[in-house]
């Protein structure tokens, strides 16, 4: 199993290839489903201004979600 993790201060975004994007606001102590693609997330990226999360999938699509 492979995981994709993106850190932004105490915010942590995580996804495995088989699951949805998860978010932690306490440095990884607890997690909630954040949304985005339901499966096949291969890459996560937070924009430099911290306003957008991008999720790339194994099918080649890119999803974006506002963080503010």
C-alpha atoms as a PDB file:
ATOM      1  CA  UNK A   1       0.000   0.000   0.000  1.00  0.00           C
ATOM      2  CA  UNK A   2       1.298   3.444  -0.889  1.00  0.00           C
ATOM      3  CA  UNK A   3       0.347   6.657   0.906  1.00  0.00           C
ATOM      4  CA  UNK A   4       0.418  10.263  -0.260  1.00  0.00           C
ATOM      5  CA  UNK A   5       0.983  12.824   2.509  1.00  0.00           C
ATOM      6  CA  UNK A   6       1.088  16.626   2.306  1.00  0.00           C
ATOM      7  CA  UNK A   7       1.988  18.713   5.358  1.00  0.00           C
ATOM      8  CA  UNK A   8       1.006  22.327   5.960  1.00  0.00           C
ATOM      9  CA  UNK A   9       1.817  23.396   9.549  1.00  0.00           C
ATOM     10  CA  UNK A  10      -0.590  21.404  11.809  1.00  0.00           C
ATOM     11  CA  UNK A  11      -2.731  20.503   8.784  1.00  0.00           C
ATOM     12  CA  UNK A  12      -1.952  17.121   7.238  1.00  0.00           C
ATOM     13  CA  UNK A  13      -3.587  15.699   4.107  1.00  0.00           C
ATOM     14  CA  UNK A  14      -3.352  11.969   3.434  1.00  0.00           C
ATOM     15  CA  UNK A  15      -4.598   9.524   0.859  1.00  0.00           C
ATOM     16  CA  UNK A  16      -3.885   5.951  -0.097  1.00  0.00           C
ATOM     17  CA  UNK A  17      -4.400   4.644  -3.609  1.00  0.00           C
ATOM     18  CA  UNK A  18      -7.610   2.959  -2.556  1.00  0.00           C
ATOM     19  CA  UNK A  19      -9.255   5.690  -0.508  1.00  0.00           C
ATOM     20  CA  UNK A  20     -10.514   9.231  -0.174  1.00  0.00           C
ATOM     21  CA  UNK A  21      -8.484  12.232   0.946  1.00  0.00           C
ATOM     22  CA  UNK A  22      -8.264  12.575   4.730  1.00  0.00           C
ATOM     23  CA  UNK A  23      -7.394  15.709   6.728  1.00  0.00           C
ATOM     24  CA  UNK A  24      -5.948  16.191  10.193  1.00  0.00           C
ATOM     25  CA  UNK A  25      -5.951  19.614  11.849  1.00  0.00           C
ATOM     26  CA  UNK A  26      -3.957  18.447  14.878  1.00  0.00           C
ATOM     27  CA  UNK A  27      -0.751  17.152  13.303  1.00  0.00           C
ATOM     28  CA  UNK A  28      -2.069  13.634  12.648  1.00  0.00           C
ATOM     29  CA  UNK A  29      -3.619  12.725  16.000  1.00  0.00           C
ATOM     30  CA  UNK A  30      -7.132  12.504  14.512  1.00  0.00           C
ATOM     31  CA  UNK A  31      -8.462  12.250  10.955  1.00  0.00           C
ATOM     32  CA  UNK A  32     -11.648  13.103   9.026  1.00  0.00           C
ATOM     33  CA  UNK A  33     -12.640  12.441   5.422  1.00  0.00           C
ATOM     34  CA  UNK A  34     -11.975  15.644   3.497  1.00  0.00           C
ATOM     35  CA  UNK A  35     -13.444  14.655   0.152  1.00  0.00           C
ATOM     36  CA  UNK A  36     -12.034  14.794  -3.319  1.00  0.00           C
ATOM     37  CA  UNK A  37     -11.672  11.759  -5.579  1.00  0.00           C
ATOM     38  CA  UNK A  38     -13.035   8.607  -3.979  1.00  0.00           C
ATOM     39  CA  UNK A  39     -10.190   6.413  -5.197  1.00  0.00           C
ATOM     40  CA  UNK A  40      -6.923   6.283  -7.054  1.00  0.00           C
ATOM     41  CA  UNK A  41      -5.280   9.413  -5.620  1.00  0.00           C
ATOM     42  CA  UNK A  42      -1.650   9.284  -6.657  1.00  0.00           C
ATOM     43  CA  UNK A  43      -0.483  12.798  -5.754  1.00  0.00           C
ATOM     44  CA  UNK A  44      -1.495  15.620  -3.407  1.00  0.00           C
ATOM     45  CA  UNK A  45      -0.293  19.206  -3.567  1.00  0.00           C
ATOM     46  CA  UNK A  46      -1.223  22.321  -1.617  1.00  0.00           C
ATOM     47  CA  UNK A  47      -0.861  25.514  -3.646  1.00  0.00           C
ATOM     48  CA  UNK A  48       1.917  27.907  -2.530  1.00  0.00           C
ATOM     49  CA  UNK A  49      -0.654  30.357  -1.134  1.00  0.00           C
ATOM     50  CA  UNK A  50      -2.315  27.551   0.896  1.00  0.00           C
ATOM     51  CA  UNK A  51      -5.738  28.118  -0.655  1.00  0.00           C
ATOM     52  CA  UNK A  52      -6.158  25.042  -2.873  1.00  0.00           C
ATOM     53  CA  UNK A  53      -5.548  21.301  -2.563  1.00  0.00           C
ATOM     54  CA  UNK A  54      -4.898  19.446  -5.827  1.00  0.00           C
ATOM     55  CA  UNK A  55      -5.311  15.665  -6.089  1.00  0.00           C
ATOM     56  CA  UNK A  56      -3.938  13.784  -9.091  1.00  0.00           C
ATOM     57  CA  UNK A  57      -5.424  10.371  -9.836  1.00  0.00           C
ATOM     58  CA  UNK A  58      -4.126   7.213 -11.483  1.00  0.00           C
ATOM     59  CA  UNK A  59      -6.475   7.873 -14.416  1.00  0.00           C
ATOM     60  CA  UNK A  60      -4.674  11.157 -15.121  1.00  0.00           C
ATOM     61  CA  UNK A  61      -7.345  13.560 -13.881  1.00  0.00           C
ATOM     62  CA  UNK A  62      -6.652  16.399 -11.447  1.00  0.00           C
ATOM     63  CA  UNK A  63      -9.205  17.474  -8.854  1.00  0.00           C
ATOM     64  CA  UNK A  64      -9.001  20.683  -6.866  1.00  0.00           C
ATOM     65  CA  UNK A  65     -10.649  21.765  -3.648  1.00  0.00           C
ATOM     66  CA  UNK A  66     -10.631  25.135  -1.933  1.00  0.00           C
ATOM     67  CA  UNK A  67      -9.066  25.103   1.516  1.00  0.00           C
ATOM     68  CA  UNK A  68     -10.586  28.432   2.606  1.00  0.00           C
END
